[in-house]
N, C-alpha and C. Protein backbone atom coordinates (compact mmCIF):
# COMPACT_ATOMS: atom_id res chain seq x y z
N MET A 1 -13.37 22.52 3.63
CA MET A 1 -12.13 21.80 3.97
C MET A 1 -12.33 21.04 5.29
N ILE A 2 -12.89 21.70 6.30
CA ILE A 2 -13.09 21.02 7.58
C ILE A 2 -14.08 19.88 7.42
N GLN A 3 -15.12 20.09 6.60
CA GLN A 3 -16.11 19.02 6.42
C GLN A 3 -15.46 17.80 5.78
N ILE A 4 -14.59 18.03 4.80
CA ILE A 4 -13.91 16.90 4.15
C ILE A 4 -13.05 16.17 5.17
N TYR A 5 -12.35 16.93 6.03
CA TYR A 5 -11.49 16.30 7.04
C TYR A 5 -12.33 15.44 7.99
N PHE A 6 -13.48 15.98 8.42
CA PHE A 6 -14.34 15.22 9.33
C PHE A 6 -14.86 13.97 8.63
N ARG A 7 -15.21 14.10 7.35
CA ARG A 7 -15.73 12.94 6.63
C ARG A 7 -14.66 11.86 6.53
N ILE A 8 -13.41 12.26 6.21
CA ILE A 8 -12.33 11.27 6.09
C ILE A 8 -12.06 10.63 7.45
N SER A 9 -12.04 11.44 8.52
CA SER A 9 -11.76 10.88 9.84
C SER A 9 -12.87 9.92 10.24
N ARG A 10 -14.13 10.27 9.92
CA ARG A 10 -15.24 9.39 10.27
C ARG A 10 -15.11 8.07 9.50
N MET A 11 -14.75 8.14 8.20
CA MET A 11 -14.59 6.93 7.41
C MET A 11 -13.45 6.08 7.99
N HIS A 12 -12.35 6.73 8.39
CA HIS A 12 -11.22 6.00 8.95
C HIS A 12 -11.64 5.32 10.26
N GLY A 13 -12.41 6.02 11.10
CA GLY A 13 -12.87 5.42 12.35
C GLY A 13 -13.76 4.22 12.08
N MET A 14 -14.64 4.34 11.10
CA MET A 14 -15.51 3.20 10.77
C MET A 14 -14.69 2.02 10.28
N LEU A 15 -13.67 2.30 9.46
CA LEU A 15 -12.83 1.21 8.95
C LEU A 15 -12.09 0.54 10.10
N SER A 16 -11.57 1.32 11.05
CA SER A 16 -10.86 0.72 12.18
C SER A 16 -11.82 -0.11 13.03
N VAL A 17 -13.05 0.38 13.22
CA VAL A 17 -14.03 -0.38 14.00
C VAL A 17 -14.36 -1.68 13.29
N VAL A 18 -14.54 -1.62 11.97
CA VAL A 18 -14.83 -2.85 11.21
C VAL A 18 -13.66 -3.81 11.31
N ARG A 19 -12.43 -3.29 11.23
CA ARG A 19 -11.25 -4.16 11.31
C ARG A 19 -11.19 -4.83 12.68
N ILE A 20 -11.42 -4.07 13.76
CA ILE A 20 -11.37 -4.65 15.10
C ILE A 20 -12.46 -5.70 15.26
N SER A 21 -13.67 -5.40 14.77
CA SER A 21 -14.76 -6.36 14.90
C SER A 21 -14.46 -7.61 14.09
N LEU A 22 -13.85 -7.47 12.92
CA LEU A 22 -13.50 -8.64 12.11
C LEU A 22 -12.44 -9.48 12.83
N GLN A 23 -11.45 -8.83 13.44
CA GLN A 23 -10.43 -9.57 14.18
C GLN A 23 -11.07 -10.35 15.33
N GLY A 24 -11.98 -9.70 16.08
CA GLY A 24 -12.66 -10.39 17.17
C GLY A 24 -13.51 -11.55 16.65
N TYR A 25 -14.18 -11.35 15.51
CA TYR A 25 -15.02 -12.41 14.94
C TYR A 25 -14.17 -13.60 14.53
N PHE A 26 -13.03 -13.35 13.87
CA PHE A 26 -12.17 -14.46 13.45
C PHE A 26 -11.57 -15.16 14.67
N ALA A 27 -11.22 -14.40 15.71
CA ALA A 27 -10.70 -15.02 16.93
C ALA A 27 -11.78 -15.90 17.55
N PHE A 28 -13.03 -15.43 17.54
CA PHE A 28 -14.14 -16.22 18.08
C PHE A 28 -14.32 -17.49 17.25
N LEU A 29 -14.22 -17.37 15.92
CA LEU A 29 -14.38 -18.55 15.06
C LEU A 29 -13.26 -19.56 15.32
N THR A 30 -12.02 -19.09 15.43
CA THR A 30 -10.92 -20.01 15.67
C THR A 30 -11.07 -20.66 17.05
N ASP A 31 -11.51 -19.90 18.05
CA ASP A 31 -11.75 -20.49 19.37
C ASP A 31 -12.81 -21.57 19.29
N LYS A 32 -13.90 -21.30 18.54
CA LYS A 32 -14.98 -22.27 18.43
C LYS A 32 -14.47 -23.54 17.74
N SER A 33 -13.74 -23.39 16.64
CA SER A 33 -13.24 -24.57 15.93
C SER A 33 -12.24 -25.32 16.82
N PHE A 34 -11.46 -24.58 17.61
CA PHE A 34 -10.50 -25.24 18.51
C PHE A 34 -11.23 -26.05 19.57
N TRP A 35 -12.31 -25.47 20.13
CA TRP A 35 -13.05 -26.19 21.16
C TRP A 35 -13.82 -27.37 20.56
N CYS A 36 -14.30 -27.22 19.30
CA CYS A 36 -15.05 -28.32 18.68
C CYS A 36 -14.11 -29.44 18.27
N ASN A 37 -12.89 -29.10 17.83
CA ASN A 37 -11.94 -30.13 17.37
C ASN A 37 -10.66 -30.02 18.19
N PRO A 38 -10.63 -30.59 19.37
CA PRO A 38 -9.44 -30.47 20.22
C PRO A 38 -8.28 -31.32 19.69
């Protein structure tokens, strides 16, 4: 039971990290397009 809980929490943490990195990547892309096309 504890192992399953740790596995789920680890998966959730990875998903949140991926979501944050995707948000930062899209913000970087929009900044780049904004600077390229003012």
